[in-house]
Amino acid sequence: MREVEALLEKAERSFAAADRYSRHGQEVVAQYGRHFASEGRLDRRYHRFLGRAFELRQLADYAVEVDVDPALVSELIKGGGGVP
């Protein structure tokens, strides 16, 4: 029974770490928007590009089944030219 408890504790730590990482990534995107995009230091479309890329990464990492459009991924890799 101790083995099951240890596995459950490990799973809880893994989920907590994933949650912290997710919030950290969201904060990075938000700070980019505040310090670069909103001040006009860099083009705002790159903020949208970064946000969309982060959303797709979250889906790919944590969703059970993900339907990601290969054309969208290709555009993101090319530098966000197709991001609305």
Protein backbone atom coordinates (compact mmCIF):
# COMPACT_ATOMS: atom_id res chain seq x y z
CA MET A 1 0.00 0.00 0.00
CA ARG A 2 2.91 2.34 0.70
CA GLU A 3 3.97 2.02 -2.94
CA VAL A 4 0.57 3.28 -4.13
CA GLU A 5 0.76 6.24 -1.72
CA ALA A 6 4.23 7.09 -2.97
CA LEU A 7 3.04 7.02 -6.59
CA LEU A 8 0.07 9.26 -5.76
CA GLU A 9 2.34 11.73 -3.96
CA LYS A 10 4.68 11.78 -6.94
CA ALA A 11 1.74 12.43 -9.28
CA GLU A 12 0.59 15.32 -7.09
CA ARG A 13 4.08 16.88 -7.20
CA SER A 14 4.17 16.47 -10.98
CA PHE A 15 0.79 18.19 -11.43
CA ALA A 16 1.83 21.01 -9.10
CA ALA A 17 5.05 21.53 -11.07
CA ALA A 18 3.15 21.56 -14.35
CA ASP A 19 0.74 24.15 -12.94
CA ARG A 20 3.61 26.39 -11.79
CA TYR A 21 5.27 26.11 -15.21
CA SER A 22 2.01 26.94 -16.97
CA ARG A 23 1.49 30.06 -14.88
CA HIS A 24 5.12 31.07 -15.43
CA GLY A 25 4.73 30.78 -19.19
CA GLN A 26 1.53 32.82 -19.15
CA GLU A 27 3.30 35.50 -17.13
CA VAL A 28 6.18 35.62 -19.61
CA VAL A 29 3.69 36.23 -22.45
CA ALA A 30 1.89 38.91 -20.40
CA GLN A 31 5.12 40.70 -19.48
CA TYR A 32 6.23 40.67 -23.11
CA GLY A 33 2.97 42.41 -23.96
CA ARG A 34 3.38 44.99 -21.20
CA HIS A 35 7.02 45.84 -21.77
CA PHE A 36 7.50 45.46 -25.48
CA ALA A 37 4.27 45.34 -27.47
CA SER A 38 2.24 47.96 -25.59
CA GLU A 39 5.17 50.39 -25.51
CA GLY A 40 5.70 49.98 -29.25
CA ARG A 41 9.23 48.64 -28.82
CA LEU A 42 8.37 45.61 -30.92
CA ASP A 43 5.53 44.84 -33.32
CA ARG A 44 2.34 43.74 -31.52
CA ARG A 45 1.88 40.83 -33.90
CA TYR A 46 4.83 39.10 -32.22
CA HIS A 47 2.97 39.26 -28.92
CA ARG A 48 0.00 37.52 -30.56
CA PHE A 49 2.41 35.04 -32.15
CA LEU A 50 3.99 34.26 -28.78
CA GLY A 51 0.60 33.86 -27.10
CA ARG A 52 -0.70 31.53 -29.80
CA ALA A 53 2.49 29.45 -29.78
CA PHE A 54 2.23 29.12 -25.98
CA GLU A 55 -1.42 28.00 -26.25
CA LEU A 56 -0.50 25.34 -28.80
CA ARG A 57 2.40 24.13 -26.66
CA GLN A 58 0.07 23.83 -23.66
CA LEU A 59 -2.39 21.80 -25.73
CA ALA A 60 0.34 19.54 -27.07
CA ASP A 61 1.80 18.94 -23.61
CA TYR A 62 -1.33 18.47 -21.53
CA ALA A 63 -4.31 17.55 -23.71
CA VAL A 64 -5.10 13.89 -24.27
CA GLU A 65 -5.98 14.25 -27.93
CA VAL A 66 -4.87 17.30 -29.86
CA ASP A 67 -5.84 18.27 -33.38
CA VAL A 68 -3.23 20.84 -34.40
CA ASP A 69 -3.30 22.14 -37.95
CA PRO A 70 0.10 21.45 -39.57
CA ALA A 71 -0.26 24.61 -41.70
CA LEU A 72 -0.63 26.74 -38.56
CA VAL A 73 2.42 25.15 -36.97
CA SER A 74 4.39 25.80 -40.16
CA GLU A 75 3.39 29.49 -40.07
CA LEU A 76 4.36 29.76 -36.39
CA ILE A 77 7.76 28.25 -37.13
CA LYS A 78 8.29 30.68 -39.99
CA GLY A 79 7.86 33.58 -37.60
CA GLY A 80 4.19 34.23 -37.10
CA GLY A 81 3.46 35.71 -40.47
CA GLY A 82 0.05 34.05 -40.59
CA VAL A 83 -1.00 34.88 -37.02
CA PRO A 84 -4.05 37.16 -37.00
